[in-house]
Amino acid sequence: MFYVSPAGDDSGQGSFEHPFRTLERARSAAREVPGEVVVRLRGGTHLLTRPFELTEADSGTVYEAYGHGSAEREEAVVSGGRPITGWRERDGVWRAEVGDLEVRQLYVDGRRAARAAIPGLPGAAEATGTGYVTDSAEPLGWRSAEFVHRGVYPWTEARLAMAAATADGDRTVITMAQPGFGWATELYNSTWEGSTSRGPGLPTAIENEPGFLREPGTFVLDRSRPGEHVLLYLPLPGEDPARTTVVAPVLETLVRVAGARDVAFRGLVFADATWLRPGRPEGFVHYHGSGYYEGGGVETAVLGEGASVTYPTDSVTIPACVRFEETVGARIEGCRFTRLGASGLGVSGGEGLTVRGCDFDTLSAGGIVVSGSRGTLLEDNRVRRTGLEFSGSPGIAVTGTHGCVVANNEVGEVPHCGIVAGAGEGTRILRNLTVDTMQVLADGGGVYMSGPQGEGAEVRGNVIEDTRTPYNFGLYLDYGASGVTVEENVVLRADNTSVLHVGPPLENVVFRGNFWDADPLGHDDPPSGVTYEGNVTIKDERELNAATEGIRARAGLLRPRG
């Protein structure tokens, strides 16, 4: 047993009375002890200056908050942030010189501050092959602007950096950074109802210029002088630089576990990490879910007569700030993932990982992303307020898995899909509750399953409420989903409860005993690959709730949390 405290000393023994100061020192000590070792973190913020990494040499080690599982549990925060001090106030704006620090997110007394923004290009603007032209002179003063393109496709949101703005007579010519803008022009091409579009189009918002700093509680990173960046913050009423704690995330990876067996994290808080790539010339050319494009070619999907979109032949996944790679028997229990600039937890490969009783909130991307693993269990987790910067990110996403179980989770307040399962083997999505999904982008659902699932896949006992945007399907099987039983689910207050006719078509799919407040599209003429039987439509919400009381009681968290 070893102890770590922010007030400790690495020259100590790591005992309760003389704890270590750093996780690295505790890791070294644990490696010298055979068998399972428990490292207990005392309350406070454990600041990391580099990612904390565990390997096969750390197999059997448990890292847990002191008092985990009892009323005496202390809040131990593993943080990759840097406190910002040295503020000077001028004209009501706080200013801090931060050197070459890149800041995409900022937390003020724990609250996520928004980047200052305006709603699109000023003046009469149009797109060009290399950027934009406008009759407004305002962009001539921009140096750090990032263009946001929401809804290029209904399910996409791109972010692209501006390179320069120059005057051309009474026009302003905006040149966008490459290769990101070129990739966006290559990827985003569609035809719909006789209309063809090419490229990302006009931005829906522009962020991060000092002139945008008009709303209290927002910030800007002024990068006009390379290596001499200035952080600007317009405070909320009552905030005082002498009393207010401001933290900028610095590390992109907090924890990486690779190749270890039977490691565990219990009761810890993982906080204050970032992801800087979207602000670089490559930008963030989003396509779907947690995937984005960085070249390699595109293909065309025909959606129907006279309708098509281009899509990437290959895509890259948004990284996670806490990563488990090729582990066996790992456990993450009772932890919180918060104030993170990418996805919260990423799992790739490996076998037998369990994520239970964790909270995921205030994340730029998704909560949990799992790919290529076997026997993963995601149970009793709460995911909310995710996708705050990358709006296509699902709350929970699994793809390429074998025997993955997603059970009794609660997902809400997310900008796109709640739970996503891509092609895999035997994925089971059981007794989850999704509420307030699809808040920003369209064409998704509270639960979305795409691609072949082998045999034994289930979507059972889930309650899907309030799927918000127009053009969604609360319970959505898509793109050739096959080998799935969809049974005893409840869907209400969606644009469409479900859809049976998709392309490629569904195969070997059974819809049985589900309850809806409106008939799914195609229910009266199911395709040949779909069995549709014993499903019930009850339009009166009180009657629907009464009829599904048992299903609703079993869905969602196993242990309610405040």
Protein backbone atom coordinates (compact mmCIF):
# COMPACT_ATOMS: atom_id res chain seq x y z
CA MET A 1 0.00 0.00 0.00
CA PHE A 2 1.33 3.43 -1.00
CA TYR A 3 -0.08 6.93 -0.57
CA VAL A 4 0.26 10.02 -2.74
CA SER A 5 -0.61 13.56 -1.69
CA PRO A 6 -0.19 16.96 -3.41
CA ALA A 7 1.48 18.00 -0.14
CA GLY A 8 3.72 14.92 -0.01
CA ASP A 9 7.43 14.41 -0.66
CA ASP A 10 8.93 11.97 -3.16
CA SER A 11 11.85 11.43 -0.82
CA GLY A 12 9.44 9.95 1.74
CA GLN A 13 8.37 6.34 2.20
CA GLY A 14 4.97 6.62 0.53
CA SER A 15 3.30 5.75 3.81
CA PHE A 16 0.13 7.27 5.22
CA GLU A 17 2.22 9.54 7.44
CA HIS A 18 4.83 10.35 4.75
CA PRO A 19 3.13 10.11 1.36
CA PHE A 20 4.78 10.53 -2.01
CA ARG A 21 4.11 13.72 -3.93
CA THR A 22 3.85 12.38 -7.49
CA LEU A 23 2.16 9.49 -9.23
CA GLU A 24 5.42 8.71 -11.02
CA ARG A 25 7.19 8.06 -7.71
CA ALA A 26 4.34 5.85 -6.55
CA ARG A 27 4.46 3.93 -9.83
CA SER A 28 8.17 3.27 -9.37
CA ALA A 29 7.62 2.04 -5.83
CA ALA A 30 4.72 -0.19 -6.86
CA ARG A 31 6.86 -1.88 -9.52
CA GLU A 32 9.21 -3.10 -6.82
CA VAL A 33 6.46 -5.00 -4.98
CA PRO A 34 5.24 -8.37 -6.31
CA GLY A 35 1.51 -8.99 -6.73
CA GLU A 36 -1.34 -6.53 -6.49
CA VAL A 37 -0.43 -3.10 -5.13
CA VAL A 38 -2.88 -0.38 -4.10
CA VAL A 39 -1.90 3.28 -4.48
CA ARG A 40 -4.20 5.66 -2.64
CA LEU A 41 -4.47 9.31 -3.70
CA ARG A 42 -5.26 11.81 -0.98
CA GLY A 43 -7.62 14.69 -1.69
CA GLY A 44 -6.51 17.67 -3.75
CA THR A 45 -5.26 18.33 -7.26
CA HIS A 46 -2.49 16.07 -8.51
CA LEU A 47 -0.96 18.18 -11.30
CA LEU A 48 0.69 16.27 -14.13
CA THR A 49 3.48 17.81 -16.18
CA ARG A 50 3.46 14.90 -18.65
CA PRO A 51 1.11 11.99 -19.37
CA PHE A 52 0.99 9.31 -16.68
CA GLU A 53 1.72 6.00 -18.41
CA LEU A 54 1.30 2.41 -17.24
CA THR A 55 2.66 -0.62 -19.09
CA GLU A 56 2.80 -4.38 -18.64
CA ALA A 57 5.24 -3.78 -15.77
CA ASP A 58 2.37 -2.16 -13.84
CA SER A 59 -0.05 -5.10 -14.10
CA GLY A 60 -2.08 -5.65 -10.95
CA THR A 61 -1.77 -2.08 -9.66
CA VAL A 62 -4.84 -0.26 -8.35
CA TYR A 63 -5.02 3.54 -8.15
CA GLU A 64 -7.87 4.77 -6.00
CA ALA A 65 -9.07 7.83 -4.12
CA TYR A 66 -8.47 7.67 -0.41
CA GLY A 67 -11.65 6.46 1.27
CA HIS A 68 -13.19 5.20 -1.98
CA GLY A 69 -16.41 3.34 -1.26
CA SER A 70 -17.00 5.09 2.07
CA ALA A 71 -18.35 8.37 3.37
CA GLU A 72 -14.75 9.47 4.02
CA ARG A 73 -13.81 9.42 0.32
CA GLU A 74 -11.60 12.36 -0.60
CA GLU A 75 -11.76 14.08 -3.99
CA ALA A 76 -8.49 13.32 -5.74
CA VAL A 77 -8.21 15.16 -9.08
CA VAL A 78 -5.66 14.08 -11.69
CA SER A 79 -5.21 17.27 -13.69
CA GLY A 80 -3.33 18.28 -16.82
CA GLY A 81 -4.10 21.96 -16.34
CA ARG A 82 -2.10 25.07 -15.58
CA PRO A 83 -3.40 27.81 -13.28
CA ILE A 84 -3.34 31.18 -15.04
CA THR A 85 -2.09 34.01 -12.87
CA GLY A 86 -0.62 37.46 -13.36
CA TRP A 87 -3.83 38.98 -14.68
CA ARG A 88 -3.92 42.67 -15.53
CA GLU A 89 -7.22 44.43 -16.04
CA ARG A 90 -7.74 46.95 -18.85
CA ASP A 91 -11.11 48.38 -19.94
CA GLY A 92 -12.90 45.65 -18.00
CA VAL A 93 -10.96 42.82 -19.72
CA TRP A 94 -8.51 40.57 -17.88
CA ARG A 95 -5.22 39.97 -19.71
CA ALA A 96 -2.50 37.42 -18.97
CA GLU A 97 0.70 36.82 -20.92
CA VAL A 98 1.05 33.06 -21.46
CA GLY A 99 4.06 32.73 -23.79
CA ASP A 100 3.59 30.04 -26.42
CA LEU A 101 0.73 28.33 -24.57
CA GLU A 102 -2.16 27.24 -26.81
CA VAL A 103 -5.54 27.57 -25.12
CA ARG A 104 -8.69 26.06 -26.67
CA GLN A 105 -10.61 25.66 -23.42
CA LEU A 106 -10.65 27.69 -20.20
CA TYR A 107 -12.21 26.93 -16.81
CA VAL A 108 -13.10 29.71 -14.42
CA ASP A 109 -13.87 28.49 -10.90
CA GLY A 110 -14.63 25.14 -12.53
CA ARG A 111 -17.02 26.61 -15.13
CA ARG A 112 -16.24 26.10 -18.79
CA ALA A 113 -15.88 29.53 -20.38
CA ALA A 114 -16.96 29.81 -24.02
CA ARG A 115 -14.65 31.11 -26.71
CA ALA A 116 -15.83 34.48 -27.97
CA ALA A 117 -17.57 34.19 -31.33
CA ILE A 118 -19.67 35.95 -33.95
CA PRO A 119 -22.42 34.31 -36.07
CA GLY A 120 -20.69 34.02 -39.44
CA LEU A 121 -18.86 36.31 -41.86
CA PRO A 122 -19.80 40.00 -41.76
CA GLY A 123 -20.99 41.73 -44.92
CA ALA A 124 -22.00 40.18 -48.22
CA ALA A 125 -19.75 37.13 -48.45
CA GLU A 126 -19.21 34.26 -50.83
CA ALA A 127 -16.94 31.23 -51.03
CA THR A 128 -13.94 30.91 -53.36
CA GLY A 129 -11.60 28.08 -54.19
CA THR A 130 -9.16 29.15 -51.46
CA GLY A 131 -11.47 30.80 -48.93
CA TYR A 132 -13.92 33.69 -49.05
CA VAL A 133 -14.48 37.27 -50.18
CA THR A 134 -16.63 39.83 -48.40
CA ASP A 135 -17.39 43.53 -48.75
CA SER A 136 -16.65 44.01 -45.02
CA ALA A 137 -13.24 45.27 -43.94
CA GLU A 138 -13.60 43.75 -40.46
CA PRO A 139 -11.68 40.51 -41.25
CA LEU A 140 -8.58 42.54 -42.16
CA GLY A 141 -7.83 42.77 -38.44
CA TRP A 142 -8.23 39.07 -37.72
CA ARG A 143 -5.14 37.03 -36.78
CA SER A 144 -6.35 33.96 -34.85
CA ALA A 145 -9.81 33.23 -36.26
CA GLU A 146 -11.27 29.74 -36.45
CA PHE A 147 -14.24 29.16 -38.77
CA VAL A 148 -17.01 26.80 -37.63
CA HIS A 149 -19.12 25.06 -40.28
CA ARG A 150 -22.19 23.49 -38.66
CA GLY A 151 -24.43 21.27 -40.75
CA VAL A 152 -22.46 21.04 -44.01
CA TYR A 153 -24.09 17.65 -44.00
CA PRO A 154 -26.85 17.40 -41.37
CA TRP A 155 -24.53 15.27 -39.21
CA THR A 156 -21.27 17.22 -39.61
CA GLU A 157 -19.52 20.19 -38.01
CA ALA A 158 -16.09 21.24 -39.28
CA ARG A 159 -13.53 23.67 -37.84
CA LEU A 160 -11.02 25.41 -40.12
CA ALA A 161 -8.30 27.96 -39.45
CA MET A 162 -7.92 31.23 -41.34
CA ALA A 163 -4.48 31.95 -42.82
CA ALA A 164 -4.69 35.59 -43.94
CA ALA A 165 -6.95 38.44 -45.01
CA THR A 166 -5.97 41.09 -47.60
CA ALA A 167 -7.67 44.07 -49.19
CA ASP A 168 -8.62 43.92 -52.87
CA GLY A 169 -10.24 47.23 -53.71
CA ASP A 170 -13.45 47.44 -51.71
CA ARG A 171 -13.38 43.71 -50.98
CA THR A 172 -11.60 41.60 -48.36
CA VAL A 173 -10.05 38.37 -49.58
CA ILE A 174 -9.82 35.67 -46.89
CA THR A 175 -7.35 32.85 -47.49
CA MET A 176 -7.98 29.71 -45.43
CA ALA A 177 -5.23 27.51 -43.99
CA GLN A 178 -4.15 24.43 -45.89
CA PRO A 179 -4.38 21.48 -46.01
CA GLY A 180 -7.58 21.69 -43.94
CA PHE A 181 -9.58 23.83 -46.36
CA GLY A 182 -8.53 21.66 -49.31
CA TRP A 183 -9.62 18.52 -47.46
CA ALA A 184 -12.97 20.12 -46.68
CA THR A 185 -13.45 21.05 -50.34
CA GLU A 186 -12.62 17.46 -51.31
CA LEU A 187 -14.91 15.84 -48.76
CA TYR A 188 -18.04 17.97 -48.67
CA ASN A 189 -19.83 17.42 -51.99
CA SER A 190 -23.51 16.60 -52.22
CA THR A 191 -26.49 16.60 -54.54
CA TRP A 192 -30.02 16.91 -53.22
CA GLU A 193 -33.24 17.60 -55.12
CA GLY A 194 -31.36 18.91 -58.13
CA SER A 195 -29.09 21.21 -56.11
CA THR A 196 -25.34 20.56 -55.95
CA SER A 197 -22.98 21.93 -53.29
CA ARG A 198 -19.20 21.78 -53.12
CA GLY A 199 -16.97 22.55 -50.17
CA PRO A 200 -17.82 23.63 -46.64
CA GLY A 201 -19.78 26.74 -47.66
CA LEU A 202 -19.99 29.88 -45.58
CA PRO A 203 -19.14 29.52 -41.88
CA THR A 204 -21.97 29.44 -39.37
CA ALA A 205 -19.75 30.98 -36.67
CA ILE A 206 -16.25 32.42 -36.26
CA GLU A 207 -14.35 32.15 -32.99
CA ASN A 208 -11.32 33.52 -31.17
CA GLU A 209 -10.67 37.13 -32.15
CA PRO A 210 -10.24 39.94 -29.57
CA GLY A 211 -12.92 41.99 -31.30
CA PHE A 212 -15.46 39.24 -30.59
CA LEU A 213 -15.05 39.65 -26.82
CA ARG A 214 -18.44 41.16 -26.05
CA GLU A 215 -20.24 38.60 -23.88
CA PRO A 216 -19.25 38.32 -20.19
CA GLY A 217 -17.81 34.93 -19.32
CA THR A 218 -16.05 34.44 -22.68
CA PHE A 219 -12.36 34.35 -23.60
CA VAL A 220 -9.95 34.70 -26.53
CA LEU A 221 -6.34 33.65 -27.06
CA ASP A 222 -4.59 36.43 -28.98
CA ARG A 223 -1.85 34.78 -31.07
CA SER A 224 -0.97 37.83 -33.17
CA ARG A 225 2.59 37.74 -31.77
CA PRO A 226 4.06 34.23 -32.14
CA GLY A 227 5.41 32.94 -28.85
CA GLU A 228 3.95 35.91 -26.97
CA HIS A 229 0.32 34.88 -26.69
CA VAL A 230 -2.08 36.91 -24.57
CA LEU A 231 -5.11 35.34 -22.92
CA LEU A 232 -8.12 37.68 -22.71
CA TYR A 233 -11.12 37.07 -20.50
CA LEU A 234 -14.24 39.21 -20.09
CA PRO A 235 -15.37 38.45 -16.51
CA LEU A 236 -18.84 37.77 -15.23
CA PRO A 237 -20.21 40.22 -12.64
CA GLY A 238 -18.59 39.64 -9.27
CA GLU A 239 -15.51 37.83 -10.54
CA ASP A 240 -12.21 39.18 -9.24
CA PRO A 241 -8.75 38.10 -10.51
CA ALA A 242 -7.51 38.05 -6.92
CA ARG A 243 -10.13 35.48 -5.87
CA THR A 244 -11.03 33.62 -9.06
CA THR A 245 -9.27 30.42 -10.07
CA VAL A 246 -8.62 30.17 -13.81
CA VAL A 247 -7.21 26.96 -15.29
CA ALA A 248 -6.11 26.29 -18.86
CA PRO A 249 -5.70 22.63 -19.90
CA VAL A 250 -2.18 21.92 -21.17
CA LEU A 251 -1.73 18.15 -21.57
CA GLU A 252 -3.54 16.34 -24.37
CA THR A 253 -3.22 12.93 -22.69
CA LEU A 254 -3.68 12.54 -18.95
CA VAL A 255 -3.33 8.77 -18.58
CA ARG A 256 -2.28 6.07 -21.04
CA VAL A 257 -2.40 2.39 -20.09
CA ALA A 258 -0.87 0.07 -22.70
CA GLY A 259 -0.50 -3.70 -22.51
CA ALA A 260 -1.16 -3.98 -18.77
CA ARG A 261 -3.27 -6.68 -17.09
CA ASP A 262 -5.69 -6.23 -14.19
CA VAL A 263 -5.01 -2.56 -13.53
CA ALA A 264 -7.76 -0.49 -11.93
CA PHE A 265 -8.72 3.11 -11.27
CA ARG A 266 -11.34 3.78 -8.59
CA GLY A 267 -13.01 6.95 -7.43
CA LEU A 268 -10.65 9.39 -9.18
CA VAL A 269 -11.41 12.59 -11.09
CA PHE A 270 -9.68 13.06 -14.45
CA ALA A 271 -9.75 16.71 -15.50
CA ASP A 272 -8.19 19.58 -17.44
CA ALA A 273 -6.83 18.16 -20.69
CA THR A 274 -7.04 19.55 -24.22
CA TRP A 275 -6.71 18.64 -27.92
CA LEU A 276 -4.88 21.18 -30.05
CA ARG A 277 -4.97 19.73 -33.56
CA PRO A 278 -8.23 21.44 -34.68
CA GLY A 279 -6.55 24.84 -34.30
CA ARG A 280 -3.70 23.94 -36.63
CA PRO A 281 -3.67 24.30 -40.44
CA GLU A 282 -5.08 20.76 -40.76
CA GLY A 283 -8.24 21.86 -38.97
CA PHE A 284 -11.00 19.45 -38.05
CA VAL A 285 -12.76 18.14 -41.16
CA HIS A 286 -15.50 16.17 -39.45
CA TYR A 287 -17.53 13.52 -41.21
CA HIS A 288 -19.58 11.45 -38.76
CA GLY A 289 -19.57 10.59 -35.08
CA SER A 290 -16.07 10.65 -33.63
CA GLY A 291 -14.44 10.42 -37.07
CA TYR A 292 -12.72 13.14 -39.08
CA TYR A 293 -10.94 13.32 -42.45
CA GLU A 294 -7.30 14.02 -43.15
CA GLY A 295 -6.98 13.11 -46.82
CA GLY A 296 -6.75 9.75 -48.52
CA GLY A 297 -9.65 10.08 -50.92
CA VAL A 298 -13.42 10.03 -50.91
CA GLU A 299 -16.19 7.92 -52.39
CA THR A 300 -19.77 8.75 -53.33
CA ALA A 301 -22.82 7.29 -51.62
CA VAL A 302 -26.04 7.39 -53.63
CA LEU A 303 -28.92 8.09 -51.26
CA GLY A 304 -31.66 7.86 -53.85
CA GLU A 305 -32.58 9.22 -57.24
CA GLY A 306 -30.75 12.52 -57.68
CA ALA A 307 -29.29 12.45 -54.14
CA SER A 308 -25.71 11.67 -53.13
CA VAL A 309 -22.92 12.63 -50.72
CA THR A 310 -19.19 12.04 -50.72
CA TYR A 311 -17.64 10.31 -47.71
CA PRO A 312 -14.07 9.44 -46.69
CA THR A 313 -12.50 6.14 -47.70
CA ASP A 314 -10.81 6.26 -44.31
CA SER A 315 -11.20 8.41 -41.22
CA VAL A 316 -9.38 9.13 -37.98
CA THR A 317 -10.97 8.99 -34.52
CA ILE A 318 -10.91 11.92 -32.11
CA PRO A 319 -8.44 10.92 -29.37
CA ALA A 320 -9.35 10.42 -25.74
CA CYS A 321 -7.66 12.11 -22.81
CA VAL A 322 -7.56 8.82 -20.87
CA ARG A 323 -6.59 5.82 -23.00
CA PHE A 324 -6.55 2.06 -22.49
CA GLU A 325 -4.76 0.17 -25.27
CA GLU A 326 -4.56 -3.62 -25.52
CA THR A 327 -5.21 -4.17 -21.83
CA VAL A 328 -6.67 -7.31 -20.23
CA GLY A 329 -9.03 -7.25 -17.25
CA ALA A 330 -8.78 -3.51 -16.64
CA ARG A 331 -11.39 -1.78 -14.46
CA ILE A 332 -12.45 1.85 -14.21
CA GLU A 333 -14.97 2.27 -11.40
CA GLY A 334 -16.61 5.27 -9.76
CA CYS A 335 -14.45 7.80 -11.60
CA ARG A 336 -15.38 11.16 -13.07
CA PHE A 337 -14.13 12.49 -16.41
CA THR A 338 -14.65 16.23 -16.70
CA ARG A 339 -13.24 19.41 -18.26
CA LEU A 340 -11.59 17.51 -21.10
CA GLY A 341 -10.88 18.89 -24.58
CA ALA A 342 -11.37 15.66 -26.54
CA SER A 343 -13.17 12.40 -25.67
CA GLY A 344 -13.14 11.27 -22.05
CA LEU A 345 -12.19 7.59 -22.14
CA GLY A 346 -10.83 5.73 -25.16
CA VAL A 347 -10.50 1.94 -25.32
CA SER A 348 -8.74 0.19 -28.21
CA GLY A 349 -8.19 -3.54 -28.51
CA GLY A 350 -7.70 -5.69 -25.47
CA GLU A 351 -10.13 -7.86 -23.57
CA GLY A 352 -12.36 -7.85 -20.51
CA LEU A 353 -12.35 -4.14 -19.68
CA THR A 354 -15.09 -2.87 -17.34
CA VAL A 355 -16.25 0.72 -16.98
CA ARG A 356 -18.78 0.91 -14.17
CA GLY A 357 -20.38 3.68 -12.12
CA CYS A 358 -18.49 6.55 -13.78
CA ASP A 359 -19.62 10.08 -14.65
CA PHE A 360 -18.66 11.86 -17.88
CA ASP A 361 -19.48 15.54 -18.23
CA THR A 362 -18.23 18.84 -19.68
CA LEU A 363 -16.32 17.24 -22.54
CA SER A 364 -15.40 18.69 -25.93
CA ALA A 365 -16.06 15.34 -27.64
CA GLY A 366 -17.65 12.02 -26.58
CA GLY A 367 -17.79 10.30 -23.22
CA ILE A 368 -16.65 6.73 -24.00
CA VAL A 369 -15.19 5.50 -27.31
CA VAL A 370 -14.43 1.77 -27.70
CA SER A 371 -12.92 0.13 -30.79
CA GLY A 372 -11.73 -3.39 -31.55
CA SER A 373 -12.01 -4.83 -28.05
CA ARG A 374 -13.50 -8.08 -26.77
CA GLY A 375 -15.79 -8.55 -23.79
CA THR A 376 -16.04 -4.88 -22.81
CA LEU A 377 -18.71 -3.98 -20.25
CA LEU A 378 -19.98 -0.40 -19.99
CA GLU A 379 -22.45 -0.35 -17.10
CA ASP A 380 -24.13 2.16 -14.82
CA ASN A 381 -22.35 5.20 -16.26
CA ARG A 382 -23.82 8.68 -16.63
CA VAL A 383 -22.86 10.73 -19.70
CA ARG A 384 -24.04 14.32 -20.13
CA ARG A 385 -22.97 17.70 -21.49
CA THR A 386 -20.59 16.19 -24.02
CA GLY A 387 -19.73 17.24 -27.58
CA LEU A 388 -19.35 20.85 -26.46
CA GLU A 389 -16.77 21.58 -29.16
CA PHE A 390 -17.15 18.68 -31.61
CA SER A 391 -20.89 18.37 -31.99
CA GLY A 392 -21.01 15.10 -33.93
CA SER A 393 -19.53 13.14 -31.04
CA PRO A 394 -21.78 10.40 -29.57
CA GLY A 395 -22.16 10.07 -25.82
CA ILE A 396 -21.06 6.42 -26.00
CA ALA A 397 -19.62 4.82 -29.16
CA VAL A 398 -18.48 1.24 -29.80
CA THR A 399 -17.30 -0.21 -33.10
CA GLY A 400 -15.44 -3.29 -34.26
CA THR A 401 -16.03 -4.95 -30.89
CA HIS A 402 -16.83 -8.56 -30.01
CA GLY A 403 -19.30 -9.28 -27.21
CA CYS A 404 -19.53 -5.68 -25.99
CA VAL A 405 -22.32 -4.93 -23.48
CA VAL A 406 -23.65 -1.40 -22.98
CA ALA A 407 -26.10 -1.67 -20.10
CA ASN A 408 -27.96 0.58 -17.66
CA ASN A 409 -26.26 3.79 -18.66
CA GLU A 410 -27.87 7.22 -18.72
CA VAL A 411 -27.01 9.55 -21.59
CA GLY A 412 -28.40 13.07 -21.89
CA GLU A 413 -27.75 16.63 -23.02
CA VAL A 414 -25.66 15.57 -26.03
CA PRO A 415 -25.50 17.30 -29.44
CA HIS A 416 -25.93 14.19 -31.61
CA CYS A 417 -26.45 10.47 -30.95
CA GLY A 418 -26.67 9.13 -27.42
CA ILE A 419 -25.35 5.59 -27.93
CA VAL A 420 -23.74 4.43 -31.20
CA ALA A 421 -22.74 0.90 -32.21
CA GLY A 422 -20.87 0.42 -35.46
CA ALA A 423 -20.24 -2.91 -37.17
CA GLY A 424 -19.24 -5.60 -34.70
CA GLU A 425 -20.03 -9.03 -33.30
CA GLY A 426 -22.79 -9.59 -30.78
CA THR A 427 -23.14 -6.06 -29.43
CA ARG A 428 -25.81 -5.82 -26.72
CA ILE A 429 -27.39 -2.46 -25.85
CA LEU A 430 -29.56 -3.13 -22.81
CA ARG A 431 -31.78 -1.08 -20.46
CA ASN A 432 -30.19 2.31 -21.13
CA LEU A 433 -31.93 5.66 -20.76
CA THR A 434 -31.28 8.43 -23.28
CA VAL A 435 -32.81 11.88 -22.84
CA ASP A 436 -32.26 15.13 -24.75
CA THR A 437 -30.09 13.71 -27.50
CA MET A 438 -29.64 15.20 -31.01
CA GLN A 439 -29.66 18.72 -29.56
CA VAL A 440 -27.51 20.28 -32.32
CA LEU A 441 -26.97 18.13 -35.42
CA ALA A 442 -29.43 15.91 -37.30
CA ASP A 443 -29.79 12.43 -38.83
CA GLY A 444 -29.17 10.24 -35.81
CA GLY A 445 -30.96 8.90 -32.77
CA GLY A 446 -30.93 8.25 -29.06
CA VAL A 447 -29.65 4.77 -29.94
CA TYR A 448 -28.02 4.30 -33.36
CA MET A 449 -26.71 0.99 -34.73
CA SER A 450 -24.95 0.84 -38.08
CA GLY A 451 -23.51 -2.03 -40.10
CA PRO A 452 -23.47 -5.83 -39.73
CA GLN A 453 -23.54 -7.20 -36.18
CA GLY A 454 -22.94 -10.91 -36.73
CA GLU A 455 -25.34 -12.96 -34.61
CA GLY A 456 -26.70 -12.35 -31.15
CA ALA A 457 -26.83 -8.55 -31.20
CA GLU A 458 -29.59 -7.02 -29.09
CA VAL A 459 -31.16 -3.63 -28.53
CA ARG A 460 -33.44 -4.42 -25.62
CA GLY A 461 -35.22 -2.64 -22.79
CA ASN A 462 -33.96 0.86 -23.61
CA VAL A 463 -35.98 4.02 -22.96
CA ILE A 464 -35.37 6.76 -25.54
CA GLU A 465 -36.94 10.14 -24.82
CA ASP A 466 -36.69 13.63 -26.34
CA THR A 467 -34.63 13.15 -29.48
CA ARG A 468 -34.57 16.83 -30.29
CA THR A 469 -33.62 18.05 -33.77
CA PRO A 470 -35.85 17.67 -36.80
CA TYR A 471 -34.81 14.76 -39.02
CA ASN A 472 -33.97 12.07 -36.50
CA PHE A 473 -35.05 8.55 -35.62
CA GLY A 474 -35.17 7.87 -31.89
CA LEU A 475 -34.18 4.20 -32.31
CA TYR A 476 -32.19 4.07 -35.55
CA LEU A 477 -30.81 0.99 -37.32
CA ASP A 478 -28.92 2.03 -40.43
CA TYR A 479 -26.52 1.15 -43.18
CA GLY A 480 -27.07 -2.58 -43.50
CA ALA A 481 -27.44 -3.43 -39.83
CA SER A 482 -27.97 -7.18 -39.55
CA GLY A 483 -28.35 -9.95 -36.98
CA VAL A 484 -30.13 -7.73 -34.44
CA THR A 485 -33.13 -8.30 -32.18
CA VAL A 486 -34.83 -5.02 -31.22
CA GLU A 487 -37.19 -5.80 -28.37
CA GLU A 488 -39.11 -4.15 -25.50
CA ASN A 489 -37.78 -0.64 -26.09
CA VAL A 490 -39.76 2.54 -25.42
CA VAL A 491 -39.45 5.56 -27.74
CA LEU A 492 -41.28 8.84 -27.31
CA ARG A 493 -40.97 12.48 -28.34
CA ALA A 494 -38.76 11.90 -31.38
CA ASP A 495 -39.11 13.35 -34.86
CA ASN A 496 -39.55 9.73 -35.99
CA THR A 497 -39.58 6.79 -33.59
CA SER A 498 -37.73 4.48 -35.99
CA VAL A 499 -37.26 3.62 -39.68
CA LEU A 500 -37.33 0.23 -41.40
CA HIS A 501 -36.28 1.15 -44.95
CA VAL A 502 -32.62 2.25 -45.11
CA GLY A 503 -29.75 1.77 -47.54
CA PRO A 504 -28.07 -0.67 -47.64
CA PRO A 505 -31.15 -2.53 -46.36
CA LEU A 506 -31.56 -4.13 -42.95
CA GLU A 507 -31.09 -7.91 -42.93
CA ASN A 508 -32.12 -10.49 -40.33
CA VAL A 509 -33.50 -7.81 -38.02
CA VAL A 510 -36.44 -8.42 -35.66
CA PHE A 511 -38.54 -5.62 -34.15
CA ARG A 512 -40.70 -7.22 -31.46
CA GLY A 513 -42.65 -5.93 -28.47
CA ASN A 514 -41.50 -2.32 -28.70
CA PHE A 515 -43.62 0.63 -27.55
CA TRP A 516 -43.80 3.89 -29.51
CA ASP A 517 -45.82 7.11 -29.42
CA ALA A 518 -45.88 7.10 -33.26
CA ASP A 519 -45.55 4.38 -35.87
CA PRO A 520 -42.04 3.91 -37.33
CA LEU A 521 -41.54 4.82 -40.95
CA GLY A 522 -42.22 1.74 -43.06
CA HIS A 523 -44.04 -0.23 -40.37
CA ASP A 524 -46.94 -0.95 -42.73
CA ASP A 525 -44.64 -2.40 -45.40
CA PRO A 526 -41.53 -3.91 -43.75
CA PRO A 527 -38.68 -4.85 -46.08
CA SER A 528 -37.86 -8.51 -46.64
CA GLY A 529 -35.00 -8.48 -44.14
CA VAL A 530 -37.15 -7.20 -41.25
CA THR A 531 -39.61 -9.06 -39.02
CA TYR A 532 -42.02 -6.58 -37.44
CA GLU A 533 -44.36 -8.14 -34.89
CA GLY A 534 -46.09 -7.39 -31.60
CA ASN A 535 -45.08 -3.74 -31.47
CA VAL A 536 -47.49 -1.27 -29.88
CA THR A 537 -48.17 2.38 -30.70
CA ILE A 538 -49.78 4.41 -27.89
CA LYS A 539 -50.09 8.11 -28.70
CA ASP A 540 -51.30 9.23 -25.28
CA GLU A 541 -48.18 9.75 -23.17
CA ARG A 542 -49.82 8.88 -19.84
CA GLU A 543 -51.13 5.62 -21.25
CA LEU A 544 -47.77 4.84 -22.81
CA ASN A 545 -45.97 5.45 -19.51
CA ALA A 546 -48.43 3.26 -17.63
CA ALA A 547 -48.08 0.43 -20.16
CA THR A 548 -44.28 0.53 -19.99
CA GLU A 549 -43.81 1.07 -16.26
CA GLY A 550 -41.81 -2.13 -15.84
CA ILE A 551 -39.45 -1.38 -18.74
CA ARG A 552 -38.91 2.18 -17.52
CA ALA A 553 -38.16 1.01 -13.97
CA ARG A 554 -35.34 -1.24 -15.21
CA ALA A 555 -33.76 1.29 -17.59
CA GLY A 556 -31.05 3.76 -16.67
CA LEU A 557 -28.65 3.87 -13.76
CA LEU A 558 -28.50 0.98 -11.32
CA ARG A 559 -27.61 3.37 -8.50
CA PRO A 560 -29.10 6.87 -8.65
CA ARG A 561 -26.55 9.67 -8.23
CA GLY A 562 -27.02 13.28 -7.31
